[in-house]
Amino acid sequence: MVDTDTKGPQRISLTNTVFEGNNNVYLLDGERTVLVDTGVAVQSIRDELADSLSAYDVSFADIDDIFLTHWHYDHAGLAGEIQAESGANVYVHEADAALVAGDPTAIDAEATLKRRRFDEWAIPEAPRRELEQYLSSAMEIGGERVDVSPIDEGDTFERNGRTIEAIHLPGHAAGLTAYAFAGERGREAFVGDVILPKYTPNVGGADVRVEHPLETYLESLERLINLDLDRAWPGHRAPIDDPAGRAATIIAHHRDRTERVISVLEEHGPADVWTVSAHLFGSLSGIHILHGPGEAYAHLDHLHAGGIVTETDGVYALSESDPSIESLFPANDQ
């Protein structure tokens, strides 16, 4: 067994052909056997995770605690099956708890809100039909229902000689939570999809429940910078050795994308969300039919809240001839 007092988390990289990029599951072994996230609920990933755990003499039945960073299936999908074998406690932020638990009311409400957004974003019939078929098939990878223990900002857990602190960082998902702890390099955290080492996490489409998604996400990035982490363990790909720098880079990316949205409206005039998305991303397929307009919406909504654009019946137009977005972004991307 690995002694987590002297050794860092074990990163298990799982193949992910359903969403972008391999998923990370983290093992903290010791007096209690802990997982952070679980991977998507398909047979190949069940086998891959079981085989990877066996290298540490751990089986699903040995898991005592599962900490989920958020509700997305590629992070929470196998939690129910592992819990059924082990009786593990499954912790997730209260904003995501009902979705992870498989509560039909919460699932229906989220699906209804998606359909409303599809109308508001003016997604045309053909791509909308493709997206709805994709989302319907994706429900099968959600896994078994889970008996969830909801957590909130600031909750702490004593595990294997370390204190793990829950830090709520919404944006990509309403309940997205990082778990901070004292690690080999100093202050470290499992950050899920708050920041990723290569891609920028989607905002606006990844969780349509998040109000003012870009503003919410920027606030979380600014807070992450102020956490002064020495290392971050993301939900996909390799550890991040400069979390604050990566967060600042993502802020700068969104500043640039907001400028591009303004350029689209300057060049083409008033437009709906789908049209702006098409100018930004071109043709889309699969889950990107949700993520593309969701991202466009997040930026248009941020500009609308800042008074730079107006919105009438889903059509956005510039309200200033020479708009400045400086006040809409934190200074941490400089």
C-alpha atoms as a PDB file:
ATOM      1  CA  MET A   1       0.000   0.000   0.000  1.00  0.00           C
ATOM      2  CA  VAL A   2       1.153   3.543  -0.621  1.00  0.00           C
ATOM      3  CA  ASP A   3       1.751   5.720   2.441  1.00  0.00           C
ATOM      4  CA  THR A   4       0.219   9.098   1.553  1.00  0.00           C
ATOM      5  CA  ASP A   5       2.100  10.770   4.393  1.00  0.00           C
ATOM      6  CA  THR A   6       5.280  10.444   2.324  1.00  0.00           C
ATOM      7  CA  LYS A   7       4.050   9.944  -1.232  1.00  0.00           C
ATOM      8  CA  GLY A   8       1.754  12.074  -3.367  1.00  0.00           C
ATOM      9  CA  PRO A   9      -1.465  11.007  -5.034  1.00  0.00           C
ATOM     10  CA  GLN A  10      -1.359   8.218  -7.598  1.00  0.00           C
ATOM     11  CA  ARG A  11      -2.670   9.517 -10.935  1.00  0.00           C
ATOM     12  CA  ILE A  12      -4.564   6.961 -12.998  1.00  0.00           C
ATOM     13  CA  SER A  13      -5.138   8.091 -16.573  1.00  0.00           C
ATOM     14  CA  LEU A  14      -8.215   6.487 -18.148  1.00  0.00           C
ATOM     15  CA  THR A  15      -8.961   6.344 -21.854  1.00  0.00           C
ATOM     16  CA  ASN A  16     -11.825   8.630 -22.786  1.00  0.00           C
ATOM     17  CA  THR A  17     -13.361   8.231 -26.239  1.00  0.00           C
ATOM     18  CA  VAL A  18     -16.638   9.856 -25.192  1.00  0.00           C
ATOM     19  CA  PHE A  19     -15.392  13.295 -24.178  1.00  0.00           C
ATOM     20  CA  GLU A  20     -12.160  15.101 -24.989  1.00  0.00           C
ATOM     21  CA  GLY A  21      -8.941  13.935 -23.389  1.00  0.00           C
ATOM     22  CA  ASN A  22      -8.055  11.099 -21.032  1.00  0.00           C
ATOM     23  CA  ASN A  23      -9.623  11.329 -17.576  1.00  0.00           C
ATOM     24  CA  ASN A  24      -7.637  11.354 -14.351  1.00  0.00           C
ATOM     25  CA  VAL A  25      -8.671   9.369 -11.311  1.00  0.00           C
ATOM     26  CA  TYR A  26      -6.557   9.945  -8.219  1.00  0.00           C
ATOM     27  CA  LEU A  27      -5.857   7.308  -5.582  1.00  0.00           C
ATOM     28  CA  LEU A  28      -4.917   8.238  -2.020  1.00  0.00           C
ATOM     29  CA  ASP A  29      -4.144   5.042  -0.171  1.00  0.00           C
ATOM     30  CA  GLY A  30      -3.480   4.578   3.522  1.00  0.00           C
ATOM     31  CA  GLU A  31      -5.669   4.015   6.562  1.00  0.00           C
ATOM     32  CA  ARG A  32      -8.592   4.885   4.285  1.00  0.00           C
ATOM     33  CA  THR A  33      -8.593   4.267   0.552  1.00  0.00           C
ATOM     34  CA  VAL A  34      -9.764   7.358  -1.295  1.00  0.00           C
ATOM     35  CA  LEU A  35     -10.544   8.141  -4.930  1.00  0.00           C
ATOM     36  CA  VAL A  36     -10.935  11.569  -6.469  1.00  0.00           C
ATOM     37  CA  ASP A  37     -13.281  11.201  -9.470  1.00  0.00           C
ATOM     38  CA  THR A  38     -14.069   7.853 -11.093  1.00  0.00           C
ATOM     39  CA  GLY A  39     -14.260   7.994 -14.903  1.00  0.00           C
ATOM     40  CA  VAL A  40     -17.141   7.325 -17.248  1.00  0.00           C
ATOM     41  CA  ALA A  41     -19.465   4.333 -16.818  1.00  0.00           C
ATOM     42  CA  VAL A  42     -18.619   2.147 -19.806  1.00  0.00           C
ATOM     43  CA  GLN A  43     -17.300  -1.409 -19.602  1.00  0.00           C
ATOM     44  CA  SER A  44     -13.877  -0.645 -21.066  1.00  0.00           C
ATOM     45  CA  ILE A  45     -13.282   2.070 -18.457  1.00  0.00           C
ATOM     46  CA  ARG A  46     -14.565  -0.134 -15.614  1.00  0.00           C
ATOM     47  CA  ASP A  47     -11.987  -2.719 -16.631  1.00  0.00           C
ATOM     48  CA  GLU A  48      -9.249  -0.119 -17.094  1.00  0.00           C
ATOM     49  CA  LEU A  49      -9.840   1.432 -13.680  1.00  0.00           C
ATOM     50  CA  ALA A  50     -10.061  -1.963 -11.961  1.00  0.00           C
ATOM     51  CA  ASP A  51      -6.807  -3.082 -13.596  1.00  0.00           C
ATOM     52  CA  SER A  52      -5.054   0.171 -12.669  1.00  0.00           C
ATOM     53  CA  LEU A  53      -6.175  -0.058  -9.047  1.00  0.00           C
ATOM     54  CA  SER A  54      -5.033  -3.672  -8.830  1.00  0.00           C
ATOM     55  CA  ALA A  55      -1.466  -2.474  -9.406  1.00  0.00           C
ATOM     56  CA  TYR A  56      -1.763  -0.885  -5.935  1.00  0.00           C
ATOM     57  CA  ASP A  57      -3.485  -3.972  -4.464  1.00  0.00           C
ATOM     58  CA  VAL A  58      -6.778  -2.074  -4.407  1.00  0.00           C
ATOM     59  CA  SER A  59     -10.174  -3.215  -5.700  1.00  0.00           C
ATOM     60  CA  PHE A  60     -13.496  -1.405  -5.995  1.00  0.00           C
ATOM     61  CA  ALA A  61     -14.574  -3.131  -2.783  1.00  0.00           C
ATOM     62  CA  ASP A  62     -11.680  -1.488  -0.892  1.00  0.00           C
ATOM     63  CA  ILE A  63     -12.707   2.114  -1.602  1.00  0.00           C
ATOM     64  CA  ASP A  64     -13.761   4.003   1.534  1.00  0.00           C
ATOM     65  CA  ASP A  65     -14.355   7.503   0.130  1.00  0.00           C
ATOM     66  CA  ILE A  66     -14.950   9.072  -3.277  1.00  0.00           C
ATOM     67  CA  PHE A  67     -14.553  12.831  -3.692  1.00  0.00           C
ATOM     68  CA  LEU A  68     -16.132  14.061  -6.924  1.00  0.00           C
ATOM     69  CA  THR A  69     -15.039  17.359  -8.425  1.00  0.00           C
ATOM     70  CA  HIS A  70     -18.343  17.733 -10.328  1.00  0.00           C
ATOM     71  CA  TRP A  71     -21.285  15.902 -11.821  1.00  0.00           C
ATOM     72  CA  HIS A  72     -20.170  15.339 -15.427  1.00  0.00           C
ATOM     73  CA  TYR A  73     -20.292  11.677 -16.402  1.00  0.00           C
ATOM     74  CA  ASP A  74     -16.606  11.438 -17.249  1.00  0.00           C
ATOM     75  CA  HIS A  75     -15.879  12.348 -13.631  1.00  0.00           C
ATOM     76  CA  ALA A  76     -18.757  10.792 -11.694  1.00  0.00           C
ATOM     77  CA  GLY A  77     -20.017   7.955 -13.902  1.00  0.00           C
ATOM     78  CA  LEU A  78     -18.578   4.979 -12.006  1.00  0.00           C
ATOM     79  CA  ALA A  79     -19.249   6.321  -8.502  1.00  0.00           C
ATOM     80  CA  GLY A  80     -22.476   4.348  -8.070  1.00  0.00           C
ATOM     81  CA  GLU A  81     -20.964   1.025  -9.098  1.00  0.00           C
ATOM     82  CA  ILE A  82     -17.954   1.481  -6.829  1.00  0.00           C
ATOM     83  CA  GLN A  83     -20.231   2.461  -3.963  1.00  0.00           C
ATOM     84  CA  ALA A  84     -22.414  -0.601  -4.558  1.00  0.00           C
ATOM     85  CA  GLU A  85     -19.349  -2.838  -4.137  1.00  0.00           C
ATOM     86  CA  SER A  86     -17.696  -1.030  -1.262  1.00  0.00           C
ATOM     87  CA  GLY A  87     -20.249   1.092   0.563  1.00  0.00           C
ATOM     88  CA  ALA A  88     -17.975   4.088  -0.023  1.00  0.00           C
ATOM     89  CA  ASN A  89     -18.991   7.574   1.014  1.00  0.00           C
ATOM     90  CA  VAL A  90     -19.482   9.721  -2.100  1.00  0.00           C
ATOM     91  CA  TYR A  91     -18.931  13.442  -1.595  1.00  0.00           C
ATOM     92  CA  VAL A  92     -19.908  16.144  -4.101  1.00  0.00           C
ATOM     93  CA  HIS A  93     -20.925  19.782  -3.830  1.00  0.00           C
ATOM     94  CA  GLU A  94     -24.571  20.292  -2.969  1.00  0.00           C
ATOM     95  CA  ALA A  95     -25.193  22.121  -6.271  1.00  0.00           C
ATOM     96  CA  ASP A  96     -24.366  18.905  -8.170  1.00  0.00           C
ATOM     97  CA  ALA A  97     -25.550  16.370  -5.611  1.00  0.00           C
ATOM     98  CA  ALA A  98     -29.008  15.677  -7.062  1.00  0.00           C
ATOM     99  CA  LEU A  99     -27.624  15.080 -10.561  1.00  0.00           C
ATOM    100  CA  VAL A 100     -24.986  12.667  -9.266  1.00  0.00           C
ATOM    101  CA  ALA A 101     -27.618  10.915  -7.163  1.00  0.00           C
ATOM    102  CA  GLY A 102     -29.714  10.364 -10.285  1.00  0.00           C
ATOM    103  CA  ASP A 103     -32.708  12.304  -8.928  1.00  0.00           C
ATOM    104  CA  PRO A 104     -35.277  12.217 -11.775  1.00  0.00           C
ATOM    105  CA  THR A 105     -36.598  15.675 -10.885  1.00  0.00           C
ATOM    106  CA  ALA A 106     -33.132  17.225 -11.102  1.00  0.00           C
ATOM    107  CA  ILE A 107     -32.312  15.373 -14.326  1.00  0.00           C
ATOM    108  CA  ASP A 108     -35.585  16.454 -15.941  1.00  0.00           C
ATOM    109  CA  ALA A 109     -35.075  20.053 -14.825  1.00  0.00           C
ATOM    110  CA  GLU A 110     -31.582  20.149 -16.316  1.00  0.00           C
ATOM    111  CA  ALA A 111     -32.845  18.648 -19.595  1.00  0.00           C
ATOM    112  CA  THR A 112     -35.728  21.127 -19.728  1.00  0.00           C
ATOM    113  CA  LEU A 113     -33.348  24.025 -19.203  1.00  0.00           C
ATOM    114  CA  LYS A 114     -31.144  22.721 -22.010  1.00  0.00           C
ATOM    115  CA  ARG A 115     -34.090  22.690 -24.404  1.00  0.00           C
ATOM    116  CA  ARG A 116     -34.946  26.254 -23.392  1.00  0.00           C
ATOM    117  CA  ARG A 117     -31.375  27.328 -24.087  1.00  0.00           C
ATOM    118  CA  PHE A 118     -31.498  25.620 -27.505  1.00  0.00           C
ATOM    119  CA  ASP A 119     -34.490  27.823 -28.321  1.00  0.00           C
ATOM    120  CA  GLU A 120     -32.850  30.966 -26.945  1.00  0.00           C
ATOM    121  CA  TRP A 121     -29.621  30.247 -28.809  1.00  0.00           C
ATOM    122  CA  ALA A 122     -31.510  29.662 -32.083  1.00  0.00           C
ATOM    123  CA  ILE A 123     -29.859  26.297 -32.797  1.00  0.00           C
ATOM    124  CA  PRO A 124     -31.243  25.197 -36.197  1.00  0.00           C
ATOM    125  CA  GLU A 125     -33.383  22.091 -36.496  1.00  0.00           C
ATOM    126  CA  ALA A 126     -30.831  19.699 -38.026  1.00  0.00           C
ATOM    127  CA  PRO A 127     -27.927  20.295 -35.608  1.00  0.00           C
ATOM    128  CA  ARG A 128     -30.373  20.444 -32.720  1.00  0.00           C
ATOM    129  CA  ARG A 129     -31.744  17.036 -33.658  1.00  0.00           C
ATOM    130  CA  GLU A 130     -28.193  15.668 -33.882  1.00  0.00           C
ATOM    131  CA  LEU A 131     -27.346  17.125 -30.470  1.00  0.00           C
ATOM    132  CA  GLU A 132     -30.477  15.771 -28.814  1.00  0.00           C
ATOM    133  CA  GLN A 133     -29.743  12.297 -30.179  1.00  0.00           C
ATOM    134  CA  TYR A 134     -26.188  12.564 -28.865  1.00  0.00           C
ATOM    135  CA  LEU A 135     -27.346  13.660 -25.419  1.00  0.00           C
ATOM    136  CA  SER A 136     -29.950  10.910 -25.277  1.00  0.00           C
ATOM    137  CA  SER A 137     -27.347   8.231 -26.009  1.00  0.00           C
ATOM    138  CA  ALA A 138     -24.958   9.811 -23.490  1.00  0.00           C
ATOM    139  CA  MET A 139     -27.471   9.238 -20.684  1.00  0.00           C
ATOM    140  CA  GLU A 140     -26.480   5.571 -20.819  1.00  0.00           C
ATOM    141  CA  ILE A 141     -22.978   6.380 -19.550  1.00  0.00           C
ATOM    142  CA  GLY A 142     -24.238   8.180 -16.447  1.00  0.00           C
ATOM    143  CA  GLY A 143     -23.872   5.077 -14.336  1.00  0.00           C
ATOM    144  CA  GLU A 144     -25.870   3.793 -11.395  1.00  0.00           C
ATOM    145  CA  ARG A 145     -27.664   5.982  -8.871  1.00  0.00           C
ATOM    146  CA  VAL A 146     -25.539   7.145  -5.959  1.00  0.00           C
ATOM    147  CA  ASP A 147     -26.211   7.733  -2.276  1.00  0.00           C
ATOM    148  CA  VAL A 148     -24.565  11.152  -2.108  1.00  0.00           C
ATOM    149  CA  SER A 149     -23.149  13.072   0.842  1.00  0.00           C
ATOM    150  CA  PRO A 150     -23.503  16.756  -0.162  1.00  0.00           C
ATOM    151  CA  ILE A 151     -20.670  19.088   0.790  1.00  0.00           C
ATOM    152  CA  ASP A 152     -20.203  22.839   0.728  1.00  0.00           C
ATOM    153  CA  GLU A 153     -17.489  25.460   0.568  1.00  0.00           C
ATOM    154  CA  GLY A 154     -14.962  25.157   3.371  1.00  0.00           C
ATOM    155  CA  ASP A 155     -15.873  21.639   4.498  1.00  0.00           C
ATOM    156  CA  THR A 156     -12.790  19.730   5.655  1.00  0.00           C
ATOM    157  CA  PHE A 157     -11.988  16.040   5.845  1.00  0.00           C
ATOM    158  CA  GLU A 158      -9.197  14.315   7.748  1.00  0.00           C
ATOM    159  CA  ARG A 159      -7.881  11.511   5.559  1.00  0.00           C
ATOM    160  CA  ASN A 160      -4.632   9.565   5.919  1.00  0.00           C
ATOM    161  CA  GLY A 161      -2.845  12.225   7.923  1.00  0.00           C
ATOM    162  CA  ARG A 162      -3.912  15.135   5.734  1.00  0.00           C
ATOM    163  CA  THR A 163      -6.653  17.731   5.880  1.00  0.00           C
ATOM    164  CA  ILE A 164      -8.594  18.010   2.623  1.00  0.00           C
ATOM    165  CA  GLU A 165     -10.515  21.272   2.159  1.00  0.00           C
ATOM    166  CA  ALA A 166     -13.400  21.723  -0.279  1.00  0.00           C
ATOM    167  CA  ILE A 167     -13.148  24.923  -2.322  1.00  0.00           C
ATOM    168  CA  HIS A 168     -16.149  25.775  -4.503  1.00  0.00           C
ATOM    169  CA  LEU A 169     -15.036  27.091  -7.920  1.00  0.00           C
ATOM    170  CA  PRO A 170     -18.125  27.121 -10.182  1.00  0.00           C
ATOM    171  CA  GLY A 171     -18.240  28.062 -13.850  1.00  0.00           C
ATOM    172  CA  HIS A 172     -17.602  24.938 -15.906  1.00  0.00           C
ATOM    173  CA  ALA A 173     -20.153  23.277 -13.610  1.00  0.00           C
ATOM    174  CA  ALA A 174     -22.365  24.722 -10.893  1.00  0.00           C
ATOM    175  CA  GLY A 175     -20.906  22.527  -8.187  1.00  0.00           C
ATOM    176  CA  LEU A 176     -17.316  22.284  -9.372  1.00  0.00           C
ATOM    177  CA  THR A 177     -15.145  21.881  -6.309  1.00  0.00           C
ATOM    178  CA  ALA A 178     -11.396  21.695  -5.810  1.00  0.00           C
ATOM    179  CA  TYR A 179      -9.920  19.742  -2.915  1.00  0.00           C
ATOM    180  CA  ALA A 180      -6.877  21.424  -1.388  1.00  0.00           C
ATOM    181  CA  PHE A 181      -4.292  19.701   0.798  1.00  0.00           C
ATOM    182  CA  ALA A 182      -0.692  19.984   1.976  1.00  0.00           C
ATOM    183  CA  GLY A 183       1.394  18.061  -0.553  1.00  0.00           C
ATOM    184  CA  GLU A 184       5.006  17.365  -1.405  1.00  0.00           C
ATOM    185  CA  ARG A 185       5.452  20.778  -3.038  1.00  0.00           C
ATOM    186  CA  GLY A 186       3.393  22.794  -0.573  1.00  0.00           C
ATOM    187  CA  ARG A 187      -0.230  23.714  -1.106  1.00  0.00           C
ATOM    188  CA  GLU A 188      -1.760  21.461  -3.766  1.00  0.00           C
ATOM    189  CA  ALA A 189      -5.280  20.729  -4.980  1.00  0.00           C
ATOM    190  CA  PHE A 190      -7.328  18.379  -7.082  1.00  0.00           C
ATOM    191  CA  VAL A 191      -9.018  20.896  -9.382  1.00  0.00           C
ATOM    192  CA  GLY A 192     -11.170  18.839 -11.745  1.00  0.00           C
ATOM    193  CA  ASP A 193     -11.921  20.960 -14.796  1.00  0.00           C
ATOM    194  CA  VAL A 194     -11.397  24.386 -13.219  1.00  0.00           C
ATOM    195  CA  ILE A 195      -8.128  24.626 -15.147  1.00  0.00           C
ATOM    196  CA  LEU A 196      -6.656  22.156 -17.615  1.00  0.00           C
ATOM    197  CA  PRO A 197      -3.071  22.072 -18.888  1.00  0.00           C
ATOM    198  CA  LYS A 198      -3.928  22.234 -22.595  1.00  0.00           C
ATOM    199  CA  TYR A 199      -7.582  22.977 -23.334  1.00  0.00           C
ATOM    200  CA  THR A 200      -9.717  25.708 -21.828  1.00  0.00           C
ATOM    201  CA  PRO A 201     -12.723  24.241 -20.009  1.00  0.00           C
ATOM    202  CA  ASN A 202     -16.039  24.983 -21.681  1.00  0.00           C
ATOM    203  CA  VAL A 203     -18.294  27.547 -20.042  1.00  0.00           C
ATOM    204  CA  GLY A 204     -21.917  28.176 -20.942  1.00  0.00           C
ATOM    205  CA  GLY A 205     -22.656  24.817 -22.539  1.00  0.00           C
ATOM    206  CA  ALA A 206     -21.010  22.377 -20.142  1.00  0.00           C
ATOM    207  CA  ASP A 207     -23.570  23.227 -17.443  1.00  0.00           C
ATOM    208  CA  VAL A 208     -26.514  25.366 -18.525  1.00  0.00           C
ATOM    209  CA  ARG A 209     -27.578  25.787 -14.889  1.00  0.00           C
ATOM    210  CA  VAL A 210     -24.750  28.261 -14.214  1.00  0.00           C
ATOM    211  CA  GLU A 211     -26.068  31.830 -14.274  1.00  0.00           C
ATOM    212  CA  HIS A 212     -23.771  34.414 -15.862  1.00  0.00           C
ATOM    213  CA  PRO A 213     -21.338  31.597 -16.684  1.00  0.00           C
ATOM    214  CA  LEU A 214     -18.338  33.604 -17.838  1.00  0.00           C
ATOM    215  CA  GLU A 215     -18.509  36.059 -14.955  1.00  0.00           C
ATOM    216  CA  THR A 216     -18.852  33.141 -12.541  1.00  0.00           C
ATOM    217  CA  TYR A 217     -15.914  31.313 -14.095  1.00  0.00           C
ATOM    218  CA  LEU A 218     -13.665  34.393 -14.126  1.00  0.00           C
ATOM    219  CA  GLU A 219     -14.357  34.889 -10.421  1.00  0.00           C
ATOM    220  CA  SER A 220     -13.363  31.276  -9.786  1.00  0.00           C
ATOM    221  CA  LEU A 221     -10.151  31.673 -11.798  1.00  0.00           C
ATOM    222  CA  GLU A 222      -9.276  34.802  -9.853  1.00  0.00           C
ATOM    223  CA  ARG A 223      -9.923  32.970  -6.606  1.00  0.00           C
ATOM    224  CA  LEU A 224      -7.768  30.054  -7.731  1.00  0.00           C
ATOM    225  CA  ILE A 225      -4.927  32.475  -8.450  1.00  0.00           C
ATOM    226  CA  ASN A 226      -5.278  33.881  -4.951  1.00  0.00           C
ATOM    227  CA  LEU A 227      -5.113  30.377  -3.435  1.00  0.00           C
ATOM    228  CA  ASP A 228      -1.397  30.455  -4.357  1.00  0.00           C
ATOM    229  CA  LEU A 229      -1.244  26.749  -5.151  1.00  0.00           C
ATOM    230  CA  ASP A 230       2.119  25.122  -5.731  1.00  0.00           C
ATOM    231  CA  ARG A 231       0.649  22.355  -7.888  1.00  0.00           C
ATOM    232  CA  ALA A 232      -2.749  21.423  -9.320  1.00  0.00           C
ATOM    233  CA  TRP A 233      -3.973  17.945 -10.207  1.00  0.00           C
ATOM    234  CA  PRO A 234      -6.472  18.436 -13.067  1.00  0.00           C
ATOM    235  CA  GLY A 235      -9.269  16.217 -14.316  1.00  0.00           C
ATOM    236  CA  HIS A 236      -7.450  15.604 -17.601  1.00  0.00           C
ATOM    237  CA  ARG A 237      -3.795  15.283 -18.574  1.00  0.00           C
ATOM    238  CA  ALA A 238      -0.668  16.005 -16.534  1.00  0.00           C
ATOM    239  CA  PRO A 239      -0.251  17.932 -13.254  1.00  0.00           C
ATOM    240  CA  ILE A 240       0.037  21.719 -13.513  1.00  0.00           C
ATOM    241  CA  ASP A 241       3.115  23.140 -11.790  1.00  0.00           C
ATOM    242  CA  ASP A 242       2.076  26.804 -12.154  1.00  0.00           C
ATOM    243  CA  PRO A 243      -1.676  26.847 -11.443  1.00  0.00           C
ATOM    244  CA  ALA A 244      -1.854  30.630 -11.062  1.00  0.00           C
ATOM    245  CA  GLY A 245      -0.042  31.136 -14.365  1.00  0.00           C
ATOM    246  CA  ARG A 246      -2.349  28.709 -16.135  1.00  0.00           C
ATOM    247  CA  ALA A 247      -5.430  30.423 -14.688  1.00  0.00           C
ATOM    248  CA  ALA A 248      -4.095  33.804 -15.856  1.00  0.00           C
ATOM    249  CA  THR A 249      -3.547  32.387 -19.350  1.00  0.00           C
ATOM    250  CA  ILE A 250      -7.163  31.180 -19.437  1.00  0.00           C
ATOM    251  CA  ILE A 251      -8.388  34.608 -18.341  1.00  0.00           C
ATOM    252  CA  ALA A 252      -6.387  36.146 -21.201  1.00  0.00           C
ATOM    253  CA  HIS A 253      -7.903  33.590 -23.596  1.00  0.00           C
ATOM    254  CA  HIS A 254     -11.404  34.656 -22.609  1.00  0.00           C
ATOM    255  CA  ARG A 255     -10.478  38.312 -22.942  1.00  0.00           C
ATOM    256  CA  ASP A 256      -9.317  37.593 -26.512  1.00  0.00           C
ATOM    257  CA  ARG A 257     -12.472  35.598 -27.279  1.00  0.00           C
ATOM    258  CA  THR A 258     -14.637  38.422 -26.005  1.00  0.00           C
ATOM    259  CA  GLU A 259     -12.825  40.781 -28.368  1.00  0.00           C
ATOM    260  CA  ARG A 260     -13.544  38.322 -31.198  1.00  0.00           C
ATOM    261  CA  VAL A 261     -17.247  38.347 -30.320  1.00  0.00           C
ATOM    262  CA  ILE A 262     -17.240  42.128 -30.510  1.00  0.00           C
ATOM    263  CA  SER A 263     -15.501  41.906 -33.889  1.00  0.00           C
ATOM    264  CA  VAL A 264     -18.202  39.551 -35.175  1.00  0.00           C
ATOM    265  CA  LEU A 265     -20.921  42.012 -34.195  1.00  0.00           C
ATOM    266  CA  GLU A 266     -18.970  44.935 -35.664  1.00  0.00           C
ATOM    267  CA  GLU A 267     -18.447  43.161 -38.979  1.00  0.00           C
ATOM    268  CA  HIS A 268     -21.767  41.344 -39.379  1.00  0.00           C
ATOM    269  CA  GLY A 269     -24.202  43.393 -37.316  1.00  0.00           C
ATOM    270  CA  PRO A 270     -26.762  42.135 -34.777  1.00  0.00           C
ATOM    271  CA  ALA A 271     -26.811  38.349 -34.459  1.00  0.00           C
ATOM    272  CA  ASP A 272     -28.219  35.484 -32.430  1.00  0.00           C
ATOM    273  CA  VAL A 273     -26.069  33.115 -30.401  1.00  0.00           C
ATOM    274  CA  TRP A 274     -25.896  30.397 -33.046  1.00  0.00           C
ATOM    275  CA  THR A 275     -24.717  32.862 -35.684  1.00  0.00           C
ATOM    276  CA  VAL A 276     -21.995  34.235 -33.432  1.00  0.00           C
ATOM    277  CA  SER A 277     -20.953  30.668 -32.592  1.00  0.00           C
ATOM    278  CA  ALA A 278     -20.702  29.842 -36.305  1.00  0.00           C
ATOM    279  CA  HIS A 279     -18.381  32.790 -36.875  1.00  0.00           C
ATOM    280  CA  LEU A 280     -16.231  31.741 -33.919  1.00  0.00           C
ATOM    281  CA  PHE A 281     -16.074  27.986 -34.404  1.00  0.00           C
ATOM    282  CA  GLY A 282     -17.428  27.083 -37.847  1.00  0.00           C
ATOM    283  CA  SER A 283     -19.300  23.806 -38.354  1.00  0.00           C
ATOM    284  CA  LEU A 284     -19.937  21.762 -35.202  1.00  0.00           C
ATOM    285  CA  SER A 285     -20.901  18.170 -34.455  1.00  0.00           C
ATOM    286  CA  GLY A 286     -21.695  16.006 -31.437  1.00  0.00           C
ATOM    287  CA  ILE A 287     -21.277  17.592 -28.020  1.00  0.00           C
ATOM    288  CA  HIS A 288     -19.725  20.678 -29.635  1.00  0.00           C
ATOM    289  CA  ILE A 289     -23.172  21.654 -30.938  1.00  0.00           C
ATOM    290  CA  LEU A 290     -23.835  22.373 -27.255  1.00  0.00           C
ATOM    291  CA  HIS A 291     -20.423  23.688 -26.262  1.00  0.00           C
ATOM    292  CA  GLY A 292     -19.962  26.088 -29.206  1.00  0.00           C
ATOM    293  CA  PRO A 293     -23.104  28.194 -28.787  1.00  0.00           C
ATOM    294  CA  GLY A 294     -22.778  27.797 -25.022  1.00  0.00           C
ATOM    295  CA  GLU A 295     -19.369  29.448 -25.160  1.00  0.00           C
ATOM    296  CA  ALA A 296     -20.688  32.178 -27.489  1.00  0.00           C
ATOM    297  CA  TYR A 297     -23.609  32.761 -25.134  1.00  0.00           C
ATOM    298  CA  ALA A 298     -21.303  33.022 -22.105  1.00  0.00           C
ATOM    299  CA  HIS A 299     -19.369  35.852 -23.768  1.00  0.00           C
ATOM    300  CA  LEU A 300     -22.456  37.627 -25.107  1.00  0.00           C
ATOM    301  CA  ASP A 301     -24.064  37.403 -21.666  1.00  0.00           C
ATOM    302  CA  HIS A 302     -20.912  38.873 -20.099  1.00  0.00           C
ATOM    303  CA  LEU A 303     -20.951  41.747 -22.600  1.00  0.00           C
ATOM    304  CA  HIS A 304     -24.660  42.277 -21.984  1.00  0.00           C
ATOM    305  CA  ALA A 305     -24.160  42.440 -18.219  1.00  0.00           C
ATOM    306  CA  GLY A 306     -21.409  45.007 -18.824  1.00  0.00           C
ATOM    307  CA  GLY A 307     -23.674  47.185 -20.963  1.00  0.00           C
ATOM    308  CA  ILE A 308     -21.587  46.703 -24.102  1.00  0.00           C
ATOM    309  CA  VAL A 309     -24.291  44.846 -26.017  1.00  0.00           C
ATOM    310  CA  THR A 310     -28.069  44.880 -25.966  1.00  0.00           C
ATOM    311  CA  GLU A 311     -30.291  41.822 -26.315  1.00  0.00           C
ATOM    312  CA  THR A 312     -33.755  41.721 -27.887  1.00  0.00           C
ATOM    313  CA  ASP A 313     -35.530  38.414 -28.474  1.00  0.00           C
ATOM    314  CA  GLY A 314     -32.254  36.545 -28.534  1.00  0.00           C
ATOM    315  CA  VAL A 315     -30.501  38.955 -30.917  1.00  0.00           C
ATOM    316  CA  TYR A 316     -27.422  40.791 -29.644  1.00  0.00           C
ATOM    317  CA  ALA A 317     -26.183  44.156 -30.904  1.00  0.00           C
ATOM    318  CA  LEU A 318     -23.365  46.482 -29.900  1.00  0.00           C
ATOM    319  CA  SER A 319     -24.500  49.443 -27.844  1.00  0.00           C
ATOM    320  CA  GLU A 320     -21.184  51.304 -28.149  1.00  0.00           C
ATOM    321  CA  SER A 321     -19.226  52.248 -31.242  1.00  0.00           C
ATOM    322  CA  ASP A 322     -15.850  51.855 -29.515  1.00  0.00           C
ATOM    323  CA  PRO A 323     -16.407  49.394 -26.663  1.00  0.00           C
ATOM    324  CA  SER A 324     -13.855  48.717 -23.936  1.00  0.00           C
ATOM    325  CA  ILE A 325     -13.903  45.439 -22.010  1.00  0.00           C
ATOM    326  CA  GLU A 326     -11.271  46.328 -19.402  1.00  0.00           C
ATOM    327  CA  SER A 327     -13.805  46.494 -16.580  1.00  0.00           C
ATOM    328  CA  LEU A 328     -15.135  43.033 -17.429  1.00  0.00           C
ATOM    329  CA  PHE A 329     -11.914  41.162 -16.670  1.00  0.00           C
ATOM    330  CA  PRO A 330      -9.668  40.814 -13.642  1.00  0.00           C
ATOM    331  CA  ALA A 331      -6.156  42.174 -13.882  1.00  0.00           C
ATOM    332  CA  ASN A 332      -4.563  38.784 -13.184  1.00  0.00           C
ATOM    333  CA  ASP A 333      -4.032  37.943 -16.848  1.00  0.00           C
ATOM    334  CA  GLN A 334      -1.432  40.651 -17.321  1.00  0.00           C
END
